[in-house]
Amino acid sequence: MAASRSVVFGGVPALRAVSAAVWRRACGLGATAARLYVTQTPGNRIQFKLDEKTAHSSLDLFKKETGVIYRVIGVDPTKVPQNPERFRDWAVVLGDSAVTGGRHYWEVTVRKSQEFHIGVADCGMPREDCIGSSSCSWVFGFMHGDWYSMTGNEVVPISWVGKPERVGLLLDYEGQKLGLVDLDKPAIVHSIAAEFKSPACPAFALWDGELVTHSGLEVPEKL
């Protein structure tokens, strides 16, 4: 994939500065990385929007920053505000809430896309990496009819036929796993073993079409 294709629970969220030094040690960020401010989600119902400050210049946010669309040409990178939180080489955007514990569930509606990644990443992952290629990110990918899981650049095929318009993601922070949910059952189709060393946030990469996120949802009883 070329580069050109490139917390809120039970009340008001607390805004907290999370130590960037921890993330630099875990994910290899340089000493110039800025302090990052994220909304902490300690409970079991994550509520998030997409964080424009992290969005690659080929991605536009819409629907009150819950959706993202890929632009073939995109914005001239020199025309977007420059900051150390923005992804520079890959069409990636992160959610603005970080999980530090609990089980959390959200859904994603996919429209006109044949190539995307959905999952989670350490909030301070290197901005030169694509989610899935780094050991600090865990994703489910879809490309031209085939599903796969990916972390640390290791791809594992998933035997799930077709591309549902809407899927679910279940993050179990203490259980150290991320599940892809078939909403028709509902049931977990595939799980990724993870090793969370710092706060993790929803993460998305897109190379065509658009995605809309749905958060603030209860974990389904059967899961």
C-alpha atoms as a PDB file:
ATOM      1  CA  MET A   1       0.000   0.000   0.000  1.00  0.00           C
ATOM      2  CA  ALA A   2       1.649   3.208  -1.127  1.00  0.00           C
ATOM      3  CA  ALA A   3       1.559   6.227   1.122  1.00  0.00           C
ATOM      4  CA  SER A   4      -0.325   8.255  -1.497  1.00  0.00           C
ATOM      5  CA  ARG A   5      -3.169   5.743  -1.252  1.00  0.00           C
ATOM      6  CA  SER A   6      -1.824   6.248   1.077  1.00  0.00           C
ATOM      7  CA  VAL A   7     -12.889   8.516  29.451  1.00  0.00           C
ATOM      8  CA  VAL A   8     -16.365   8.799  29.074  1.00  0.00           C
ATOM      9  CA  PHE A   9     -18.361   6.626  31.508  1.00  0.00           C
ATOM     10  CA  GLY A  10     -20.852   7.524  34.173  1.00  0.00           C
ATOM     11  CA  GLY A  11     -20.371  11.268  33.869  1.00  0.00           C
ATOM     12  CA  VAL A  12     -18.104  13.980  32.564  1.00  0.00           C
ATOM     13  CA  PRO A  13     -14.820  12.676  31.124  1.00  0.00           C
ATOM     14  CA  ALA A  14     -11.618  13.656  32.857  1.00  0.00           C
ATOM     15  CA  LEU A  15      -8.971  15.237  30.640  1.00  0.00           C
ATOM     16  CA  ARG A  16      -5.549  14.010  31.597  1.00  0.00           C
ATOM     17  CA  ALA A  17      -2.015  14.394  30.259  1.00  0.00           C
ATOM     18  CA  VAL A  18      -0.648  10.910  29.665  1.00  0.00           C
ATOM     19  CA  SER A  19       3.121  10.556  29.869  1.00  0.00           C
ATOM     20  CA  ALA A  20       4.577  10.626  26.367  1.00  0.00           C
ATOM     21  CA  ALA A  21       7.755   9.097  27.751  1.00  0.00           C
ATOM     22  CA  VAL A  22       5.935   5.818  28.404  1.00  0.00           C
ATOM     23  CA  TRP A  23       4.750   5.678  24.808  1.00  0.00           C
ATOM     24  CA  ARG A  24       8.171   6.582  23.450  1.00  0.00           C
ATOM     25  CA  ARG A  25       9.736   3.655  25.298  1.00  0.00           C
ATOM     26  CA  ALA A  26       6.979   1.223  24.208  1.00  0.00           C
ATOM     27  CA  CYS A  27       6.706   2.308  20.579  1.00  0.00           C
ATOM     28  CA  GLY A  28      10.043   3.877  19.731  1.00  0.00           C
ATOM     29  CA  LEU A  29       8.918   7.489  19.443  1.00  0.00           C
ATOM     30  CA  GLY A  30      11.699  10.036  19.268  1.00  0.00           C
ATOM     31  CA  ALA A  31      12.604  12.431  22.017  1.00  0.00           C
ATOM     32  CA  THR A  32      10.836  15.287  20.216  1.00  0.00           C
ATOM     33  CA  ALA A  33       7.383  13.690  20.572  1.00  0.00           C
ATOM     34  CA  ALA A  34       4.932  16.083  22.216  1.00  0.00           C
ATOM     35  CA  ARG A  35       2.927  15.447  25.337  1.00  0.00           C
ATOM     36  CA  LEU A  36      -0.404  13.989  24.277  1.00  0.00           C
ATOM     37  CA  TYR A  37      -3.738  14.742  25.912  1.00  0.00           C
ATOM     38  CA  VAL A  38      -6.438  12.104  25.689  1.00  0.00           C
ATOM     39  CA  THR A  39      -9.798  11.411  27.277  1.00  0.00           C
ATOM     40  CA  GLN A  40      -9.500   8.418  29.600  1.00  0.00           C
ATOM     41  CA  THR A  41     -12.106   5.631  29.434  1.00  0.00           C
ATOM     42  CA  PRO A  42     -11.782   3.336  32.476  1.00  0.00           C
ATOM     43  CA  GLY A  43     -15.284   1.804  32.341  1.00  0.00           C
ATOM     44  CA  ASN A  44     -17.093  -0.319  29.775  1.00  0.00           C
ATOM     45  CA  ARG A  45     -18.678   2.092  27.296  1.00  0.00           C
ATOM     46  CA  ILE A  46     -16.239   4.069  25.194  1.00  0.00           C
ATOM     47  CA  GLN A  47     -17.529   7.256  23.561  1.00  0.00           C
ATOM     48  CA  PHE A  48     -15.262   8.785  20.948  1.00  0.00           C
ATOM     49  CA  LYS A  49     -14.966  10.981  17.905  1.00  0.00           C
ATOM     50  CA  LEU A  50     -12.215  10.933  15.310  1.00  0.00           C
ATOM     51  CA  ASP A  51      -9.300  13.191  16.163  1.00  0.00           C
ATOM     52  CA  GLU A  52      -8.594  15.610  13.313  1.00  0.00           C
ATOM     53  CA  LYS A  53      -5.166  16.384  14.745  1.00  0.00           C
ATOM     54  CA  THR A  54      -4.088  12.821  13.898  1.00  0.00           C
ATOM     55  CA  ALA A  55      -5.732  12.560  10.453  1.00  0.00           C
ATOM     56  CA  HIS A  56      -3.573  12.126   7.347  1.00  0.00           C
ATOM     57  CA  SER A  57      -4.030  14.873   4.753  1.00  0.00           C
ATOM     58  CA  SER A  58      -5.909  12.498   2.389  1.00  0.00           C
ATOM     59  CA  LEU A  59      -8.685  11.975   4.977  1.00  0.00           C
ATOM     60  CA  ASP A  60     -11.671  14.259   5.597  1.00  0.00           C
ATOM     61  CA  LEU A  61     -13.835  13.959   8.700  1.00  0.00           C
ATOM     62  CA  PHE A  62     -17.595  14.426   8.551  1.00  0.00           C
ATOM     63  CA  LYS A  63     -20.816  13.719  10.460  1.00  0.00           C
ATOM     64  CA  LYS A  64     -19.618  15.596  13.541  1.00  0.00           C
ATOM     65  CA  GLU A  65     -16.237  13.878  13.358  1.00  0.00           C
ATOM     66  CA  THR A  66     -17.635  10.344  13.622  1.00  0.00           C
ATOM     67  CA  GLY A  67     -17.028   9.552   9.943  1.00  0.00           C
ATOM     68  CA  VAL A  68     -14.032   9.651   7.622  1.00  0.00           C
ATOM     69  CA  ILE A  69     -13.811   9.720   3.831  1.00  0.00           C
ATOM     70  CA  TYR A  70     -10.763   9.079   1.643  1.00  0.00           C
ATOM     71  CA  ARG A  71      -9.884  11.672  -0.999  1.00  0.00           C
ATOM     72  CA  VAL A  72      -7.801  10.373  -3.914  1.00  0.00           C
ATOM     73  CA  ILE A  73      -5.858  13.613  -4.161  1.00  0.00           C
ATOM     74  CA  GLY A  74      -6.428  14.912  -0.658  1.00  0.00           C
ATOM     75  CA  VAL A  75      -5.140  18.135   0.819  1.00  0.00           C
ATOM     76  CA  ASP A  76      -1.653  19.389   0.116  1.00  0.00           C
ATOM     77  CA  PRO A  77       0.250  18.264   3.252  1.00  0.00           C
ATOM     78  CA  THR A  78       1.740  21.753   3.532  1.00  0.00           C
ATOM     79  CA  LYS A  79      -1.778  23.192   3.857  1.00  0.00           C
ATOM     80  CA  VAL A  80      -2.820  21.241   6.965  1.00  0.00           C
ATOM     81  CA  PRO A  81      -1.688  22.269  10.459  1.00  0.00           C
ATOM     82  CA  GLN A  82       1.621  20.577  11.226  1.00  0.00           C
ATOM     83  CA  ASN A  83       1.866  18.807  14.561  1.00  0.00           C
ATOM     84  CA  PRO A  84       3.592  15.662  15.854  1.00  0.00           C
ATOM     85  CA  GLU A  85       0.277  13.845  16.318  1.00  0.00           C
ATOM     86  CA  ARG A  86      -0.600  13.758  12.596  1.00  0.00           C
ATOM     87  CA  PHE A  87       0.069  10.653  10.478  1.00  0.00           C
ATOM     88  CA  ARG A  88       2.353  11.702   7.667  1.00  0.00           C
ATOM     89  CA  ASP A  89       2.879   8.660   5.435  1.00  0.00           C
ATOM     90  CA  TRP A  90      -0.322   6.590   5.752  1.00  0.00           C
ATOM     91  CA  ALA A  91      -4.041   7.377   5.555  1.00  0.00           C
ATOM     92  CA  VAL A  92      -4.681   6.820   9.265  1.00  0.00           C
ATOM     93  CA  VAL A  93      -6.809   8.582  11.893  1.00  0.00           C
ATOM     94  CA  LEU A  94      -7.209   7.777  15.601  1.00  0.00           C
ATOM     95  CA  GLY A  95     -10.140   8.120  17.974  1.00  0.00           C
ATOM     96  CA  ASP A  96      -9.939  10.830  20.638  1.00  0.00           C
ATOM     97  CA  SER A  97     -10.622   8.551  23.653  1.00  0.00           C
ATOM     98  CA  ALA A  98      -8.108   6.197  25.248  1.00  0.00           C
ATOM     99  CA  VAL A  99      -8.921   2.911  26.961  1.00  0.00           C
ATOM    100  CA  THR A 100      -7.031   2.048  30.144  1.00  0.00           C
ATOM    101  CA  GLY A 101      -9.177  -0.861  31.327  1.00  0.00           C
ATOM    102  CA  GLY A 102     -12.484  -2.705  30.936  1.00  0.00           C
ATOM    103  CA  ARG A 103     -14.346  -4.137  27.947  1.00  0.00           C
ATOM    104  CA  HIS A 104     -15.470  -1.757  25.229  1.00  0.00           C
ATOM    105  CA  TYR A 105     -17.581  -2.178  22.112  1.00  0.00           C
ATOM    106  CA  TRP A 106     -18.171  -0.013  19.061  1.00  0.00           C
ATOM    107  CA  GLU A 107     -19.378  -0.515  15.505  1.00  0.00           C
ATOM    108  CA  VAL A 108     -18.245   0.671  12.085  1.00  0.00           C
ATOM    109  CA  THR A 109     -20.365   1.214   8.974  1.00  0.00           C
ATOM    110  CA  VAL A 110     -18.395   0.732   5.749  1.00  0.00           C
ATOM    111  CA  ARG A 111     -19.437   2.481   2.553  1.00  0.00           C
ATOM    112  CA  LYS A 112     -17.906   2.062  -0.921  1.00  0.00           C
ATOM    113  CA  SER A 113     -14.608   0.826   0.444  1.00  0.00           C
ATOM    114  CA  GLN A 114     -12.624  -2.163  -0.748  1.00  0.00           C
ATOM    115  CA  GLU A 115      -9.528  -1.526   1.346  1.00  0.00           C
ATOM    116  CA  PHE A 116      -9.436  -0.490   4.992  1.00  0.00           C
ATOM    117  CA  HIS A 117      -8.096  -1.296   8.482  1.00  0.00           C
ATOM    118  CA  ILE A 118     -10.131  -1.021  11.700  1.00  0.00           C
ATOM    119  CA  GLY A 119      -8.823  -1.744  15.176  1.00  0.00           C
ATOM    120  CA  VAL A 120      -6.880  -0.186  18.032  1.00  0.00           C
ATOM    121  CA  ALA A 121      -3.437   1.299  18.570  1.00  0.00           C
ATOM    122  CA  ASP A 122      -1.320   2.659  21.373  1.00  0.00           C
ATOM    123  CA  CYS A 123      -2.184   6.357  21.368  1.00  0.00           C
ATOM    124  CA  GLY A 124       1.469   7.288  20.973  1.00  0.00           C
ATOM    125  CA  MET A 125       2.359   4.905  18.150  1.00  0.00           C
ATOM    126  CA  PRO A 126       4.922   6.257  15.651  1.00  0.00           C
ATOM    127  CA  ARG A 127       3.224   8.504  13.110  1.00  0.00           C
ATOM    128  CA  GLU A 128       5.432   7.158  10.320  1.00  0.00           C
ATOM    129  CA  ASP A 129       3.845   3.688  10.665  1.00  0.00           C
ATOM    130  CA  CYS A 130       0.555   2.326   9.369  1.00  0.00           C
ATOM    131  CA  ILE A 131      -1.732   0.639  11.877  1.00  0.00           C
ATOM    132  CA  GLY A 132      -1.171  -3.103  11.661  1.00  0.00           C
ATOM    133  CA  SER A 133       2.440  -2.771  10.558  1.00  0.00           C
ATOM    134  CA  SER A 134       3.516  -1.768  14.061  1.00  0.00           C
ATOM    135  CA  SER A 135       3.666  -3.972  17.167  1.00  0.00           C
ATOM    136  CA  CYS A 136       1.839  -1.096  18.884  1.00  0.00           C
ATOM    137  CA  SER A 137      -1.331  -1.623  16.812  1.00  0.00           C
ATOM    138  CA  TRP A 138      -3.837  -4.423  16.210  1.00  0.00           C
ATOM    139  CA  VAL A 139      -6.288  -4.345  13.296  1.00  0.00           C
ATOM    140  CA  PHE A 140      -8.706  -6.237  11.122  1.00  0.00           C
ATOM    141  CA  GLY A 141      -8.208  -5.508   7.466  1.00  0.00           C
ATOM    142  CA  PHE A 142     -10.316  -5.928   4.352  1.00  0.00           C
ATOM    143  CA  MET A 143      -8.939  -5.904   0.813  1.00  0.00           C
ATOM    144  CA  HIS A 144     -10.910  -6.779  -2.329  1.00  0.00           C
ATOM    145  CA  GLY A 145     -13.196  -9.322  -0.687  1.00  0.00           C
ATOM    146  CA  ASP A 146     -10.804 -10.896   1.815  1.00  0.00           C
ATOM    147  CA  TRP A 147     -10.552 -10.305   5.574  1.00  0.00           C
ATOM    148  CA  TYR A 148      -7.379 -10.664   7.637  1.00  0.00           C
ATOM    149  CA  SER A 149      -5.961  -9.694  11.018  1.00  0.00           C
ATOM    150  CA  MET A 150      -2.680  -7.849  11.276  1.00  0.00           C
ATOM    151  CA  THR A 151      -0.219  -6.751  13.957  1.00  0.00           C
ATOM    152  CA  GLY A 152       3.527  -6.250  13.770  1.00  0.00           C
ATOM    153  CA  ASN A 153       3.198  -6.598   9.967  1.00  0.00           C
ATOM    154  CA  GLU A 154       2.103 -10.233  10.378  1.00  0.00           C
ATOM    155  CA  VAL A 155      -1.012 -11.037   8.325  1.00  0.00           C
ATOM    156  CA  VAL A 156      -3.423 -13.846   9.292  1.00  0.00           C
ATOM    157  CA  PRO A 157      -6.287 -14.621   6.831  1.00  0.00           C
ATOM    158  CA  ILE A 158      -9.832 -14.731   8.244  1.00  0.00           C
ATOM    159  CA  SER A 159     -12.325 -17.105   6.636  1.00  0.00           C
ATOM    160  CA  TRP A 160     -15.258 -14.704   6.592  1.00  0.00           C
ATOM    161  CA  VAL A 161     -16.943 -14.353   3.206  1.00  0.00           C
ATOM    162  CA  GLY A 162     -18.071 -11.001   1.910  1.00  0.00           C
ATOM    163  CA  LYS A 163     -18.019  -7.495   3.338  1.00  0.00           C
ATOM    164  CA  PRO A 164     -20.852  -6.700   5.750  1.00  0.00           C
ATOM    165  CA  GLU A 165     -21.920  -3.074   5.662  1.00  0.00           C
ATOM    166  CA  ARG A 166     -21.562  -2.838   9.447  1.00  0.00           C
ATOM    167  CA  VAL A 167     -19.294  -4.734  11.855  1.00  0.00           C
ATOM    168  CA  GLY A 168     -18.495  -4.592  15.562  1.00  0.00           C
ATOM    169  CA  LEU A 169     -15.247  -4.453  17.513  1.00  0.00           C
ATOM    170  CA  LEU A 170     -14.874  -5.708  21.086  1.00  0.00           C
ATOM    171  CA  LEU A 171     -11.816  -4.575  23.037  1.00  0.00           C
ATOM    172  CA  ASP A 172     -10.994  -6.452  26.243  1.00  0.00           C
ATOM    173  CA  TYR A 173      -8.146  -4.486  27.806  1.00  0.00           C
ATOM    174  CA  GLU A 174      -7.426  -6.776  30.776  1.00  0.00           C
ATOM    175  CA  GLY A 175      -8.063  -9.851  28.631  1.00  0.00           C
ATOM    176  CA  GLN A 176      -5.509  -8.524  26.133  1.00  0.00           C
ATOM    177  CA  LYS A 177      -7.544  -9.171  22.998  1.00  0.00           C
ATOM    178  CA  LEU A 178      -9.527  -7.498  20.231  1.00  0.00           C
ATOM    179  CA  GLY A 179     -12.469  -9.237  18.566  1.00  0.00           C
ATOM    180  CA  LEU A 180     -14.194  -8.730  15.209  1.00  0.00           C
ATOM    181  CA  VAL A 181     -17.968  -9.117  15.627  1.00  0.00           C
ATOM    182  CA  ASP A 182     -20.512 -10.383  13.095  1.00  0.00           C
ATOM    183  CA  LEU A 183     -23.657  -8.382  13.931  1.00  0.00           C
ATOM    184  CA  ASP A 184     -26.015 -10.936  12.357  1.00  0.00           C
ATOM    185  CA  LYS A 185     -25.395 -13.441  15.171  1.00  0.00           C
ATOM    186  CA  PRO A 186     -23.884 -11.551  17.096  1.00  0.00           C
ATOM    187  CA  ALA A 187     -20.659 -13.493  17.521  1.00  0.00           C
ATOM    188  CA  ILE A 188     -16.914 -12.935  17.466  1.00  0.00           C
ATOM    189  CA  VAL A 189     -15.562 -14.038  14.094  1.00  0.00           C
ATOM    190  CA  HIS A 190     -11.885 -13.698  14.976  1.00  0.00           C
ATOM    191  CA  SER A 191      -9.756 -12.449  17.891  1.00  0.00           C
ATOM    192  CA  ILE A 192      -6.307 -10.907  18.004  1.00  0.00           C
ATOM    193  CA  ALA A 193      -4.066 -11.449  21.034  1.00  0.00           C
ATOM    194  CA  ALA A 194      -2.627  -8.118  22.143  1.00  0.00           C
ATOM    195  CA  GLU A 195      -0.160  -6.848  24.704  1.00  0.00           C
ATOM    196  CA  PHE A 196      -1.304  -3.425  25.812  1.00  0.00           C
ATOM    197  CA  LYS A 197       1.504  -1.530  27.543  1.00  0.00           C
ATOM    198  CA  SER A 198      -0.142   1.904  27.528  1.00  0.00           C
ATOM    199  CA  PRO A 199      -3.551   3.520  26.830  1.00  0.00           C
ATOM    200  CA  ALA A 200      -5.066   2.300  23.540  1.00  0.00           C
ATOM    201  CA  CYS A 201      -7.495   4.111  21.249  1.00  0.00           C
ATOM    202  CA  PRO A 202      -9.667   3.206  18.243  1.00  0.00           C
ATOM    203  CA  ALA A 203      -7.710   3.383  14.992  1.00  0.00           C
ATOM    204  CA  PHE A 204      -8.698   3.472  11.323  1.00  0.00           C
ATOM    205  CA  ALA A 205      -6.926   3.409   7.951  1.00  0.00           C
ATOM    206  CA  LEU A 206      -8.734   3.936   4.671  1.00  0.00           C
ATOM    207  CA  TRP A 207      -7.697   3.809   1.003  1.00  0.00           C
ATOM    208  CA  ASP A 208     -11.072   4.336  -0.684  1.00  0.00           C
ATOM    209  CA  GLY A 209     -14.698   5.023   0.232  1.00  0.00           C
ATOM    210  CA  GLU A 210     -15.719   6.012   3.740  1.00  0.00           C
ATOM    211  CA  LEU A 211     -16.282   4.731   7.281  1.00  0.00           C
ATOM    212  CA  VAL A 212     -18.727   5.885   9.961  1.00  0.00           C
ATOM    213  CA  THR A 213     -18.129   4.998  13.613  1.00  0.00           C
ATOM    214  CA  HIS A 214     -20.782   4.284  16.267  1.00  0.00           C
ATOM    215  CA  SER A 215     -19.609   4.511  19.875  1.00  0.00           C
ATOM    216  CA  GLY A 216     -21.205   4.820  23.308  1.00  0.00           C
ATOM    217  CA  LEU A 217     -22.661   1.312  22.892  1.00  0.00           C
ATOM    218  CA  GLU A 218     -23.178  -1.360  25.516  1.00  0.00           C
ATOM    219  CA  VAL A 219     -21.271  -4.624  25.072  1.00  0.00           C
ATOM    220  CA  PRO A 220     -23.842  -7.096  23.601  1.00  0.00           C
ATOM    221  CA  GLU A 221     -24.954  -9.675  26.178  1.00  0.00           C
ATOM    222  CA  LYS A 222     -23.868 -12.692  24.128  1.00  0.00           C
ATOM    223  CA  LEU A 223     -20.313 -11.394  23.924  1.00  0.00           C
END
